[in-house]
Amino acid sequence: MDLELSEKLQNVVDGLSEQFSDSFIEVYQSSGDTFIQVKSDAIVEICTYLKEEQHFIYLTDLFGIDRFTSNDRFEIAYNLISLRDRERFFLKTRLPEENPEIASVADIWRAASWLEREVYDMFGVTFTEHPDFRRIFMPEDFDYFPMRKEFPLLGIPGSIELPSTTPDTE
């Protein structure tokens, strides 16, 4: 497949493949967007390089994906923008089903802090060295992760105390 990358994105791809040859997996395009997949163990170094050397200073979004596969079940996607160069791409990495864990990038982009907490809360992915790692939507003692594909659509009966739907008659 021939990629139609801008000169700036081609420089990013070339830089990543040279600087992080052991961690660089692939680059592809889909629906008009560019995706670069890397190994998770070098995410902090790669993100630091992208911000400091390639000027991707804006982390627009960070989200999780449950691929529901036996290998590399979870995927983390970082939506990065270079305001200077008006370029954008998605940096992706995959994690195993058992003990999905990745280093936090909240020290690189402050916006990552709440986004990483949301991914943990919904998918159960742990972000190591996070400055304030706790649940953001669900109660701290909630034992489930609602965005995992095996989670029942109607929830787990009794897992959270819900308010009564019957009005008080006083």
C-alpha atoms as a PDB file:
ATOM      1  CA  MET A   1       0.000   0.000   0.000  1.00  0.00           C
ATOM      2  CA  ASP A   2       1.365   3.377  -0.986  1.00  0.00           C
ATOM      3  CA  LEU A   3       1.001   6.026   1.668  1.00  0.00           C
ATOM      4  CA  GLU A   4       0.285   9.603   0.710  1.00  0.00           C
ATOM      5  CA  LEU A   5       1.940  11.430   3.583  1.00  0.00           C
ATOM      6  CA  SER A   6       2.679  15.118   3.778  1.00  0.00           C
ATOM      7  CA  GLU A   7       6.330  16.072   3.978  1.00  0.00           C
ATOM      8  CA  LYS A   8       5.995  16.733   7.726  1.00  0.00           C
ATOM      9  CA  LEU A   9       4.327  13.389   8.476  1.00  0.00           C
ATOM     10  CA  GLN A  10       6.909  11.626   6.332  1.00  0.00           C
ATOM     11  CA  ASN A  11       9.611  13.288   8.476  1.00  0.00           C
ATOM     12  CA  VAL A  12       7.815  12.043  11.611  1.00  0.00           C
ATOM     13  CA  VAL A  13       7.641   8.489  10.270  1.00  0.00           C
ATOM     14  CA  ASP A  14      11.288   8.601   9.171  1.00  0.00           C
ATOM     15  CA  GLY A  15      12.371  10.027  12.534  1.00  0.00           C
ATOM     16  CA  LEU A  16      10.480   7.405  14.514  1.00  0.00           C
ATOM     17  CA  SER A  17      11.745   4.540  12.379  1.00  0.00           C
ATOM     18  CA  GLU A  18      15.344   5.788  12.791  1.00  0.00           C
ATOM     19  CA  GLN A  19      15.275   6.848  16.454  1.00  0.00           C
ATOM     20  CA  PHE A  20      13.094   3.976  17.681  1.00  0.00           C
ATOM     21  CA  SER A  21      13.726   1.195  15.181  1.00  0.00           C
ATOM     22  CA  ASP A  22      13.199  -1.508  17.843  1.00  0.00           C
ATOM     23  CA  SER A  23       9.835  -0.035  18.885  1.00  0.00           C
ATOM     24  CA  PHE A  24       8.437   1.097  15.531  1.00  0.00           C
ATOM     25  CA  ILE A  25       5.857  -1.392  14.195  1.00  0.00           C
ATOM     26  CA  GLU A  26       3.937   0.078  11.271  1.00  0.00           C
ATOM     27  CA  VAL A  27       2.329   3.095   9.677  1.00  0.00           C
ATOM     28  CA  TYR A  28      -0.959   2.995   7.798  1.00  0.00           C
ATOM     29  CA  GLN A  29      -3.802   5.216   6.683  1.00  0.00           C
ATOM     30  CA  SER A  30      -7.520   4.727   7.104  1.00  0.00           C
ATOM     31  CA  SER A  31     -10.434   7.074   6.429  1.00  0.00           C
ATOM     32  CA  GLY A  32      -8.058   9.927   5.672  1.00  0.00           C
ATOM     33  CA  ASP A  33      -6.118   9.627   8.950  1.00  0.00           C
ATOM     34  CA  THR A  34      -2.569   8.425   9.555  1.00  0.00           C
ATOM     35  CA  PHE A  35      -1.848   5.836  12.255  1.00  0.00           C
ATOM     36  CA  ILE A  36       1.564   4.939  13.601  1.00  0.00           C
ATOM     37  CA  GLN A  37       1.791   1.835  15.755  1.00  0.00           C
ATOM     38  CA  VAL A  38       4.631   1.437  18.249  1.00  0.00           C
ATOM     39  CA  LYS A  39       5.535  -0.929  21.077  1.00  0.00           C
ATOM     40  CA  SER A  40       4.197   0.104  24.464  1.00  0.00           C
ATOM     41  CA  ASP A  41       7.463  -0.190  26.406  1.00  0.00           C
ATOM     42  CA  ALA A  42       8.924   2.936  24.753  1.00  0.00           C
ATOM     43  CA  ILE A  43       5.805   5.130  24.857  1.00  0.00           C
ATOM     44  CA  VAL A  44       7.277   7.814  27.138  1.00  0.00           C
ATOM     45  CA  GLU A  45      10.443   8.190  25.075  1.00  0.00           C
ATOM     46  CA  ILE A  46       8.489   8.226  21.811  1.00  0.00           C
ATOM     47  CA  CYS A  47       5.975  10.791  23.075  1.00  0.00           C
ATOM     48  CA  THR A  48       8.768  12.991  24.453  1.00  0.00           C
ATOM     49  CA  TYR A  49      10.485  12.859  21.070  1.00  0.00           C
ATOM     50  CA  LEU A  50       7.246  13.699  19.253  1.00  0.00           C
ATOM     51  CA  LYS A  51       6.595  16.719  21.466  1.00  0.00           C
ATOM     52  CA  GLU A  52      10.116  18.105  21.744  1.00  0.00           C
ATOM     53  CA  GLU A  53      11.600  17.225  18.358  1.00  0.00           C
ATOM     54  CA  GLN A  54       8.584  17.023  16.061  1.00  0.00           C
ATOM     55  CA  HIS A  55       6.473  19.760  17.757  1.00  0.00           C
ATOM     56  CA  PHE A  56       3.350  17.698  18.422  1.00  0.00           C
ATOM     57  CA  ILE A  57       2.545  19.814  21.465  1.00  0.00           C
ATOM     58  CA  TYR A  58      -1.193  19.177  21.564  1.00  0.00           C
ATOM     59  CA  LEU A  59      -2.665  15.891  22.788  1.00  0.00           C
ATOM     60  CA  THR A  60      -6.248  16.184  21.568  1.00  0.00           C
ATOM     61  CA  ASP A  61      -7.448  12.850  22.863  1.00  0.00           C
ATOM     62  CA  LEU A  62      -6.291   9.579  24.336  1.00  0.00           C
ATOM     63  CA  PHE A  63      -8.645   6.630  24.292  1.00  0.00           C
ATOM     64  CA  GLY A  64      -8.827   2.898  24.760  1.00  0.00           C
ATOM     65  CA  ILE A  65     -10.088   0.196  22.435  1.00  0.00           C
ATOM     66  CA  ASP A  66     -11.072  -3.342  23.395  1.00  0.00           C
ATOM     67  CA  ARG A  67     -10.133  -5.391  20.348  1.00  0.00           C
ATOM     68  CA  PHE A  68     -11.515  -8.517  22.102  1.00  0.00           C
ATOM     69  CA  THR A  69      -8.746 -10.710  20.711  1.00  0.00           C
ATOM     70  CA  SER A  70      -6.575 -13.280  22.455  1.00  0.00           C
ATOM     71  CA  ASN A  71      -3.358 -11.420  21.541  1.00  0.00           C
ATOM     72  CA  ASP A  72      -2.809  -7.745  22.333  1.00  0.00           C
ATOM     73  CA  ARG A  73      -6.419  -7.265  23.357  1.00  0.00           C
ATOM     74  CA  PHE A  74      -6.289  -3.589  24.328  1.00  0.00           C
ATOM     75  CA  GLU A  75      -5.181  -0.670  22.224  1.00  0.00           C
ATOM     76  CA  ILE A  76      -4.366   2.852  23.395  1.00  0.00           C
ATOM     77  CA  ALA A  77      -4.588   5.644  20.816  1.00  0.00           C
ATOM     78  CA  TYR A  78      -3.067   9.111  21.206  1.00  0.00           C
ATOM     79  CA  ASN A  79      -4.511  11.801  18.905  1.00  0.00           C
ATOM     80  CA  LEU A  80      -1.605  14.226  18.379  1.00  0.00           C
ATOM     81  CA  ILE A  81      -1.539  17.597  16.648  1.00  0.00           C
ATOM     82  CA  SER A  82       1.272  19.885  15.593  1.00  0.00           C
ATOM     83  CA  LEU A  83      -0.275  23.353  15.648  1.00  0.00           C
ATOM     84  CA  ARG A  84       2.815  24.824  14.024  1.00  0.00           C
ATOM     85  CA  ASP A  85       2.723  22.449  11.067  1.00  0.00           C
ATOM     86  CA  ARG A  86      -1.048  21.869  10.996  1.00  0.00           C
ATOM     87  CA  GLU A  87      -0.566  18.115  11.028  1.00  0.00           C
ATOM     88  CA  ARG A  88      -2.275  15.360  12.947  1.00  0.00           C
ATOM     89  CA  PHE A  89      -1.881  11.620  13.385  1.00  0.00           C
ATOM     90  CA  PHE A  90      -2.793   8.839  15.795  1.00  0.00           C
ATOM     91  CA  LEU A  91      -0.071   7.076  17.744  1.00  0.00           C
ATOM     92  CA  LYS A  92      -1.239   3.598  18.756  1.00  0.00           C
ATOM     93  CA  THR A  93       0.079   0.849  20.955  1.00  0.00           C
ATOM     94  CA  ARG A  94      -1.291  -2.513  22.042  1.00  0.00           C
ATOM     95  CA  LEU A  95      -1.418  -4.198  25.432  1.00  0.00           C
ATOM     96  CA  PRO A  96      -2.081  -7.769  26.566  1.00  0.00           C
ATOM     97  CA  GLU A  97      -5.354  -8.927  28.116  1.00  0.00           C
ATOM     98  CA  GLU A  98      -3.675  -9.992  31.340  1.00  0.00           C
ATOM     99  CA  ASN A  99      -2.443  -7.037  33.386  1.00  0.00           C
ATOM    100  CA  PRO A 100      -2.707  -4.315  30.727  1.00  0.00           C
ATOM    101  CA  GLU A 101      -0.221  -1.685  31.841  1.00  0.00           C
ATOM    102  CA  ILE A 102       1.545   1.254  30.208  1.00  0.00           C
ATOM    103  CA  ALA A 103       3.546   4.242  31.407  1.00  0.00           C
ATOM    104  CA  SER A 104       1.676   7.514  31.866  1.00  0.00           C
ATOM    105  CA  VAL A 105       2.368  10.423  29.526  1.00  0.00           C
ATOM    106  CA  ALA A 106       0.754  12.955  31.892  1.00  0.00           C
ATOM    107  CA  ASP A 107       4.174  14.504  32.547  1.00  0.00           C
ATOM    108  CA  ILE A 108       4.497  15.182  28.813  1.00  0.00           C
ATOM    109  CA  TRP A 109       0.965  16.437  28.153  1.00  0.00           C
ATOM    110  CA  ARG A 110      -1.045  17.489  31.218  1.00  0.00           C
ATOM    111  CA  ALA A 111      -4.250  16.751  29.317  1.00  0.00           C
ATOM    112  CA  ALA A 112      -3.370  13.060  29.479  1.00  0.00           C
ATOM    113  CA  SER A 113      -4.061  12.896  33.212  1.00  0.00           C
ATOM    114  CA  TRP A 114      -7.861  12.753  33.093  1.00  0.00           C
ATOM    115  CA  LEU A 115      -7.889  10.847  29.808  1.00  0.00           C
ATOM    116  CA  GLU A 116      -5.709   8.089  31.270  1.00  0.00           C
ATOM    117  CA  ARG A 117      -7.945   7.922  34.325  1.00  0.00           C
ATOM    118  CA  GLU A 118     -10.956   7.497  32.042  1.00  0.00           C
ATOM    119  CA  VAL A 119      -9.269   4.657  30.119  1.00  0.00           C
ATOM    120  CA  TYR A 120      -8.464   2.948  33.407  1.00  0.00           C
ATOM    121  CA  ASP A 121     -12.007   3.425  34.683  1.00  0.00           C
ATOM    122  CA  MET A 122     -13.641   2.025  31.550  1.00  0.00           C
ATOM    123  CA  PHE A 123     -11.115  -0.606  30.364  1.00  0.00           C
ATOM    124  CA  GLY A 124      -8.920  -1.450  33.359  1.00  0.00           C
ATOM    125  CA  VAL A 125      -5.648  -0.339  31.762  1.00  0.00           C
ATOM    126  CA  THR A 126      -3.183   0.750  34.445  1.00  0.00           C
ATOM    127  CA  PHE A 127      -1.031   3.827  33.774  1.00  0.00           C
ATOM    128  CA  THR A 128       2.144   3.565  35.832  1.00  0.00           C
ATOM    129  CA  GLU A 129       3.688   6.689  37.379  1.00  0.00           C
ATOM    130  CA  HIS A 130       0.432   8.618  36.946  1.00  0.00           C
ATOM    131  CA  PRO A 131       0.374  11.683  39.245  1.00  0.00           C
ATOM    132  CA  ASP A 132      -3.228  11.133  40.494  1.00  0.00           C
ATOM    133  CA  PHE A 133      -4.269   7.610  39.574  1.00  0.00           C
ATOM    134  CA  ARG A 134      -7.827   6.935  40.728  1.00  0.00           C
ATOM    135  CA  ARG A 135     -11.211   6.295  39.203  1.00  0.00           C
ATOM    136  CA  ILE A 136     -12.914   9.223  37.552  1.00  0.00           C
ATOM    137  CA  PHE A 137     -16.479   8.031  36.777  1.00  0.00           C
ATOM    138  CA  MET A 138     -17.113   4.831  38.692  1.00  0.00           C
ATOM    139  CA  PRO A 139     -16.933   4.363  42.491  1.00  0.00           C
ATOM    140  CA  GLU A 140     -13.495   3.426  43.815  1.00  0.00           C
ATOM    141  CA  ASP A 141     -14.774   0.025  45.021  1.00  0.00           C
ATOM    142  CA  PHE A 142     -16.383  -0.883  41.677  1.00  0.00           C
ATOM    143  CA  ASP A 143     -14.797  -4.152  40.527  1.00  0.00           C
ATOM    144  CA  TYR A 144     -15.706  -3.964  36.829  1.00  0.00           C
ATOM    145  CA  PHE A 145     -14.726  -2.071  33.692  1.00  0.00           C
ATOM    146  CA  PRO A 146     -17.861  -1.142  31.711  1.00  0.00           C
ATOM    147  CA  MET A 147     -16.312  -0.638  28.255  1.00  0.00           C
ATOM    148  CA  ARG A 148     -14.836  -4.127  28.078  1.00  0.00           C
ATOM    149  CA  LYS A 149     -16.679  -6.193  25.510  1.00  0.00           C
ATOM    150  CA  GLU A 150     -17.600  -8.942  27.993  1.00  0.00           C
ATOM    151  CA  PHE A 151     -19.370  -6.447  30.287  1.00  0.00           C
ATOM    152  CA  PRO A 152     -23.170  -7.020  30.066  1.00  0.00           C
ATOM    153  CA  LEU A 153     -25.085  -4.323  28.171  1.00  0.00           C
ATOM    154  CA  LEU A 154     -27.530  -3.875  31.037  1.00  0.00           C
ATOM    155  CA  GLY A 155     -24.773  -3.853  33.649  1.00  0.00           C
ATOM    156  CA  ILE A 156     -24.312  -6.217  36.564  1.00  0.00           C
ATOM    157  CA  PRO A 157     -27.336  -6.324  38.863  1.00  0.00           C
ATOM    158  CA  GLY A 158     -26.483  -5.098  42.345  1.00  0.00           C
ATOM    159  CA  SER A 159     -22.991  -3.879  41.452  1.00  0.00           C
ATOM    160  CA  ILE A 160     -23.961  -0.245  42.124  1.00  0.00           C
ATOM    161  CA  GLU A 161     -26.691   0.986  44.381  1.00  0.00           C
ATOM    162  CA  LEU A 162     -29.120   2.935  42.200  1.00  0.00           C
ATOM    163  CA  PRO A 163     -31.596   5.533  43.381  1.00  0.00           C
ATOM    164  CA  SER A 164     -35.206   4.470  43.663  1.00  0.00           C
ATOM    165  CA  THR A 165     -37.353   5.141  40.616  1.00  0.00           C
ATOM    166  CA  THR A 166     -40.502   5.356  42.725  1.00  0.00           C
ATOM    167  CA  PRO A 167     -41.347   8.849  43.935  1.00  0.00           C
ATOM    168  CA  ASP A 168     -41.633   9.466  47.663  1.00  0.00           C
ATOM    169  CA  THR A 169     -45.252   9.635  48.788  1.00  0.00           C
ATOM    170  CA  GLU A 170     -45.236  11.971  51.756  1.00  0.00           C
END
